[in-house]
Structures are given as structure tokens and as C-alpha cells.
Protein backbone atom coordinates (compact mmCIF):
# COMPACT_ATOMS: atom_id res chain seq x y z
CA MET A 1 -23.25 70.27 -20.13
CA ARG A 2 -20.55 70.70 -17.63
CA PRO A 3 -17.33 69.62 -19.03
CA THR A 4 -14.86 66.63 -17.32
CA ASP A 5 -11.13 66.83 -16.90
CA PRO A 6 -9.92 65.05 -20.19
CA LYS A 7 -7.83 62.90 -17.71
CA PRO A 8 -9.83 59.35 -16.32
CA ALA A 9 -10.63 59.23 -12.93
CA LEU A 10 -8.88 56.63 -10.83
CA ALA A 11 -10.69 54.24 -8.52
CA PRO A 12 -10.61 54.89 -5.04
CA ALA A 13 -8.21 52.44 -3.08
CA PRO A 14 -9.54 50.28 -0.72
CA GLY A 15 -9.58 52.02 2.85
CA ALA A 16 -9.22 55.35 1.16
CA ALA A 17 -12.47 56.65 2.40
CA TRP A 18 -11.41 55.44 5.73
CA ALA A 19 -7.87 57.07 5.55
CA SER A 20 -9.88 60.58 4.08
CA ARG A 21 -12.45 60.39 7.02
CA LEU A 22 -9.19 60.10 9.61
CA LEU A 23 -7.07 62.78 8.05
CA GLU A 24 -10.28 65.11 7.78
CA ARG A 25 -10.79 64.50 11.79
CA VAL A 26 -7.15 65.32 12.41
CA CYS A 27 -7.17 68.48 10.06
CA THR A 28 -10.31 69.22 12.24
CA ALA A 29 -8.68 68.85 15.53
CA LEU A 30 -5.18 71.07 14.46
CA CYS A 31 -7.27 73.87 13.12
CA ARG A 32 -9.37 74.01 16.30
CA ARG A 33 -6.20 74.23 18.31
CA LEU A 34 -4.37 76.69 16.09
CA ALA A 35 -5.07 80.28 16.64
CA PRO A 36 -6.68 81.77 13.28
CA ARG A 37 -3.32 83.69 12.51
CA GLN A 38 -1.56 80.51 12.72
CA LEU A 39 -3.91 79.00 10.46
CA GLY A 40 -3.84 81.47 7.92
CA ARG A 41 -0.10 81.42 7.52
CA LEU A 42 -0.24 77.62 7.05
CA ILE A 43 -2.99 77.62 4.48
CA GLU A 44 -0.38 80.38 2.40
CA ASN A 45 2.17 78.04 3.17
CA LEU A 46 0.27 75.00 1.51
CA GLN A 47 -0.56 77.45 -1.15
CA VAL A 48 2.97 78.59 -1.67
CA ALA A 49 3.91 74.55 -2.04
CA LEU A 50 1.22 73.92 -4.20
CA ALA A 51 1.84 76.33 -6.46
CA ASP A 52 5.19 74.81 -7.89
CA GLN A 53 8.13 73.12 -6.61
CA ASP A 54 10.02 76.15 -6.90
CA PRO A 55 8.74 78.45 -3.93
CA ARG A 56 9.31 81.84 -5.84
CA VAL A 57 6.23 80.91 -7.94
CA GLY A 58 3.99 80.53 -5.44
CA ALA A 59 5.15 83.83 -3.52
CA TYR A 60 4.41 85.55 -7.10
CA ALA A 61 0.95 84.53 -7.50
CA LEU A 62 0.10 85.56 -3.83
CA GLU A 63 2.10 88.89 -4.10
CA TYR A 64 1.70 90.29 -7.66
CA ASN A 65 -0.56 87.56 -10.09
CA ASN A 66 -3.55 87.52 -7.74
CA PRO A 67 -4.30 90.83 -6.80
CA GLN A 68 -3.64 91.96 -10.56
CA ALA A 69 -6.39 89.40 -11.60
CA LEU A 70 -8.63 90.51 -8.77
CA CYS A 71 -8.19 94.06 -9.75
CA PHE A 72 -9.01 93.37 -13.22
CA LEU A 73 -12.12 91.58 -12.05
CA LEU A 74 -13.28 94.37 -10.17
CA ASP A 75 -12.85 96.73 -13.63
CA ALA A 76 -14.87 94.65 -15.10
CA TYR A 77 -17.39 92.86 -12.49
CA PRO A 78 -20.18 95.94 -12.78
CA THR A 79 -20.29 94.71 -16.60
CA LEU A 80 -20.51 90.92 -15.24
CA GLN A 81 -23.34 91.93 -13.27
CA THR A 82 -25.52 93.68 -15.58
CA TRP A 83 -25.49 90.61 -17.59
CA PHE A 84 -26.10 88.44 -14.31
CA SER A 85 -29.18 90.60 -13.75
CA ARG A 86 -30.35 89.31 -16.91
CA TYR A 87 -30.55 85.52 -15.99
CA PRO A 88 -33.03 84.29 -13.95
CA ARG A 89 -32.40 84.86 -10.14
CA MET A 90 -33.01 81.55 -8.81
CA GLY A 91 -31.05 80.28 -11.88
CA THR A 92 -27.47 78.95 -12.34
CA ILE A 93 -24.92 80.32 -14.54
CA ARG A 94 -22.66 77.94 -16.29
CA PHE A 95 -19.61 80.53 -16.27
CA LEU A 96 -16.06 79.76 -17.61
CA ASP A 97 -12.44 81.97 -16.75
CA ILE A 98 -10.17 81.24 -19.51
CA GLY A 99 -6.59 81.79 -18.69
CA PRO A 100 -7.32 82.01 -15.14
CA ALA A 101 -3.66 82.52 -13.98
CA PHE A 102 -3.67 81.15 -10.41
CA GLY A 103 -7.15 81.18 -10.09
CA ALA A 104 -8.38 84.30 -8.12
CA SER A 105 -10.67 85.94 -9.88
CA ALA A 106 -12.85 82.73 -10.47
CA GLY A 107 -12.29 82.02 -6.86
CA LEU A 108 -13.77 85.25 -5.80
CA LEU A 109 -16.67 84.86 -7.92
CA SER A 110 -17.44 81.48 -7.06
CA GLN A 111 -17.47 82.62 -3.18
CA MET A 112 -19.57 85.38 -4.15
CA HIS A 113 -22.11 83.86 -6.11
CA ARG A 114 -21.78 80.34 -4.52
CA SER A 115 -25.66 81.02 -3.16
CA HIS A 116 -28.65 83.13 -4.78
CA PHE A 117 -28.04 86.05 -2.39
CA LEU A 118 -26.63 88.13 -5.15
CA GLY A 119 -28.62 86.82 -7.73
CA PRO A 120 -28.44 83.82 -10.09
CA ARG A 121 -25.56 81.41 -8.63
CA LEU A 122 -22.44 80.75 -10.96
CA GLN A 123 -20.98 77.41 -11.45
CA VAL A 124 -17.53 78.18 -12.17
CA ASP A 125 -15.10 76.44 -14.45
CA VAL A 126 -11.40 77.72 -15.55
CA LEU A 127 -9.74 76.43 -18.40
CA ASP A 128 -6.07 76.38 -18.69
CA ILE A 129 -3.31 74.66 -20.67
CA VAL A 130 -0.86 75.12 -17.54
CA ASP A 131 -2.04 72.00 -15.52
CA THR A 132 0.64 72.78 -12.89
CA ARG A 133 -1.70 75.41 -11.27
CA ARG A 134 -4.19 72.82 -10.42
CA ASN A 135 -3.09 72.01 -7.00
CA PHE A 136 -2.89 75.92 -6.32
CA ILE A 137 -6.49 76.61 -7.52
CA GLU A 138 -8.03 73.67 -6.39
CA MET A 139 -6.70 73.85 -2.76
CA SER A 140 -7.28 77.91 -2.29
CA PHE A 141 -10.34 77.92 -4.27
CA PRO A 142 -12.05 74.47 -3.94
CA LEU A 143 -15.47 75.89 -5.56
CA VAL A 144 -13.83 76.17 -9.03
CA ASN A 145 -13.54 73.19 -11.28
CA PHE A 146 -10.37 72.79 -12.93
CA VAL A 147 -10.10 71.88 -16.70
CA HIS A 148 -6.75 70.87 -18.06
CA ALA A 149 -7.40 71.15 -22.23
CA ARG A 150 -6.83 73.87 -24.86
CA VAL A 151 -9.65 75.57 -26.29
CA GLU A 152 -9.17 73.88 -29.85
CA ASP A 153 -9.32 70.52 -28.04
CA LEU A 154 -13.00 71.23 -26.27
CA PRO A 155 -15.68 68.81 -27.47
CA THR A 156 -18.18 70.67 -29.29
CA ASP A 157 -21.08 70.06 -26.85
CA ALA A 158 -18.76 71.80 -23.86
CA GLN A 159 -21.03 74.94 -23.31
CA TRP A 160 -20.97 77.61 -20.93
CA ASP A 161 -23.24 80.61 -20.71
CA MET A 162 -20.66 83.42 -19.87
CA VAL A 163 -17.19 83.19 -20.70
CA TYR A 164 -14.62 85.47 -19.09
CA CYS A 165 -10.95 85.89 -20.75
CA SER A 166 -8.87 88.23 -19.19
CA ASN A 167 -5.81 89.53 -20.64
CA ALA A 168 -4.91 86.40 -22.55
CA ILE A 169 -5.76 87.26 -26.12
CA GLU A 170 -2.93 89.77 -26.36
CA HIS A 171 -0.32 86.44 -25.81
CA MET A 172 -1.95 85.02 -28.96
CA ASP A 173 -0.53 85.03 -32.66
CA ASP A 174 -3.90 85.05 -34.00
CA PRO A 175 -6.23 86.53 -31.17
CA ARG A 176 -9.23 86.87 -33.67
CA ALA A 177 -9.14 83.12 -34.47
CA PHE A 178 -8.72 82.24 -30.60
CA ILE A 179 -11.93 84.56 -30.03
CA ALA A 180 -13.67 82.56 -32.68
CA GLN A 181 -13.01 79.49 -30.74
CA VAL A 182 -14.14 80.80 -27.48
CA LEU A 183 -17.29 81.71 -29.35
CA GLN A 184 -17.83 78.26 -30.52
CA HIS A 185 -18.62 77.29 -26.50
CA THR A 186 -20.42 80.20 -25.60
CA GLN A 187 -24.13 80.38 -25.26
CA GLY A 188 -24.54 83.80 -24.13
CA GLN A 189 -22.04 86.63 -23.72
CA ALA A 190 -18.08 86.33 -23.78
CA VAL A 191 -16.16 89.01 -21.83
CA PHE A 192 -12.60 90.01 -22.79
CA LEU A 193 -10.16 92.47 -21.02
CA ALA A 194 -6.73 93.11 -22.77
CA PRO A 195 -4.44 95.96 -22.86
CA TYR A 196 -5.77 98.44 -25.67
CA ARG A 197 -3.59 99.53 -28.52
CA GLU A 198 -0.41 99.02 -26.36
CA ALA A 199 2.68 101.17 -27.18
CA LEU A 200 5.32 99.38 -29.10
CA PRO A 201 7.84 97.72 -28.28
CA LEU A 202 5.04 95.26 -26.82
CA SER A 203 5.63 93.89 -23.50
CA LEU A 204 7.03 90.52 -22.68
CA ASP A 205 5.09 87.76 -24.69
CA HIS A 206 2.60 90.30 -26.24
CA ARG A 207 1.71 89.42 -29.75
CA LEU A 208 -0.28 91.84 -31.14
CA GLN A 209 -1.91 95.50 -30.25
CA ILE A 210 -5.54 94.78 -29.44
CA THR A 211 -8.27 97.41 -30.54
CA GLU A 212 -11.98 97.56 -31.46
CA GLN A 213 -11.68 95.87 -34.62
CA THR A 214 -10.19 92.71 -33.01
CA PHE A 215 -13.82 92.42 -31.42
CA GLU A 216 -15.93 93.01 -34.56
CA GLY A 217 -17.84 90.51 -37.41
CA TYR A 218 -18.05 87.10 -35.58
CA GLU A 219 -21.09 85.31 -36.84
CA GLY A 220 -23.73 84.87 -34.57
CA PHE A 221 -22.42 87.19 -31.86
CA ARG A 222 -22.94 91.00 -31.99
CA VAL A 223 -20.39 93.96 -29.83
CA ASP A 224 -22.63 94.59 -27.22
CA SER A 225 -20.45 96.96 -25.41
CA VAL A 226 -17.03 98.24 -25.70
CA ARG A 227 -15.12 100.36 -23.03
CA VAL A 228 -11.35 101.66 -22.86
CA PHE A 229 -10.53 102.48 -19.13
CA HIS A 230 -7.26 103.18 -17.13
CA SER A 231 -6.64 100.55 -14.52
CA ALA A 232 -4.56 100.17 -11.04
CA ALA A 233 -3.63 96.66 -12.56
CA TRP A 234 -2.23 98.20 -15.56
CA PRO A 235 -0.72 101.52 -14.77
CA THR A 236 1.92 104.23 -16.83
CA THR A 237 5.23 102.35 -17.23
CA ALA A 238 8.41 103.55 -15.49
CA ASP A 239 9.29 105.11 -18.46
CA GLY A 240 6.35 107.26 -18.17
CA VAL A 241 3.97 105.54 -21.09
CA GLU A 242 0.50 105.67 -20.41
CA ARG A 243 -1.23 102.30 -20.73
CA GLN A 244 -5.23 101.43 -20.79
CA GLN A 245 -7.04 98.25 -20.76
CA ILE A 246 -10.18 97.49 -23.42
CA LEU A 247 -13.15 95.58 -21.97
CA ALA A 248 -15.36 94.30 -24.86
CA VAL A 249 -18.51 92.09 -24.30
CA LEU A 250 -19.77 89.85 -27.21
CA ALA A 251 -23.30 88.40 -26.88
CA ALA A 252 -25.29 85.91 -29.04
CA HIS A 253 -27.99 86.81 -31.45
């Protein structure tokens, strides 16, 4: 079942369809008259404007947060692709990205797997408690469905084949309780990335160190694989402290 946004849908106002078609024609005409580079800059300006009222938020998303999220996805993608290949090639995988930041990872996956060219098609949802990122994500990555909710508040029948959670559990006061909640909505595999045995003092807003033991002992799931690695997205600190990431896959029995 594809979860729906908890907000009620509003009935379109009279004439809204006509206005939408007119606006689409105007935008198409404008696009044909702008040089590709001009159009690209316009789109980036729209992204910045939709990210937040403060333009520094949108600039941060484009220049720092999205590149880091994409780098983490590149680190994890070989593992994801291994699991994708175990699903029927002409099938569809219901895929959820929890804590997607500004949606770059989900957006790239939705583009790469929008057809069956690379294997199963992905139906990509993102789940976030921060609703202010919705406009940025929906404008930047139109194939991604935004769900504004807490994992704890999802209905029990909201299920996904695969769940991806990158660098979020270290922000939780009880990572194991959060992982257990995630697994209640996972029918296949849950893939987690996080800082590994982070040196003290922890980074801002990080609550606990994450280790192999964080992912052990969940009823109905086994630890399929664990990998500890260096990532360009999580480099050595300015003080020379070496940092690593842990990538864990929990698979339903």
C-alpha cells in the first residue's frame, strides 16, 4: 500500500485546471526562449526560494547538504543494487528514504530507476518530520512522493519493500527503539548508514555512538551485512580525528 499524505486533499477551485494549463503553456514558451544555462540558473533560484524564507538555507542545501547526501548514497549504492537485483526485473520496489534532508538521494534514485532499464522500477517516498522541505523536494525531484509524518505515527499497513536511512539514527535518544519502529514498516530490507564509534565529544545534535551492536537482536530480522568504511562525505576532522561510517543491512527472515 502506498501511504498517503496525512493532510486532507483540497478540491480544485473552479477554473483551476484551465489556469494550470495556461501557466504550463506560458512556462513552456519561456523555457523555449531561454538558453539552457539561463534556465538552469532560474531553476536553482527557484530551489533556493522554495527551500526556506532564509535564502541561506537553500544555498546550504545545494552547496553542502545535497553533495554530502549524494556521496553517502554512492557509498551505499553497490549494496542497494545487490538487493535490487534480487527483485523481479520488471517489478516495482516500494522504496522509502527516512530523514531525506533535501531529497537529493531519493531524487537520484527516482531518476535512475524510473524505468526498468537498470532493473526493478523504484516507487520512491521520503518521510520527514520537517514539512518546510516539501516544496524544495517536490520542485527539485518531481518523481518523489513526500510524506510528512513521524515513523511512530504511521499506520500499521504503511509498508515498504526497502527502507533507506542515512545518518539519522545517531540523532535519536534511543536509536534501537527508532530502528525497531522502522522495521515495523519494512517488508524486505532496511539499510542504515551512520557515523561509526564516533569520537567524543560527539558532533552537534548527535546523541549516541553507533556500533555493530546497535543493529543486533531485532525480532523477525537478521543482520545481513555490516561494513565499516571511510567516506569523503565524513572526512577526518580539522583536528586530525579519523572518522568512519557504518553501513548495516537488516533483512526480514
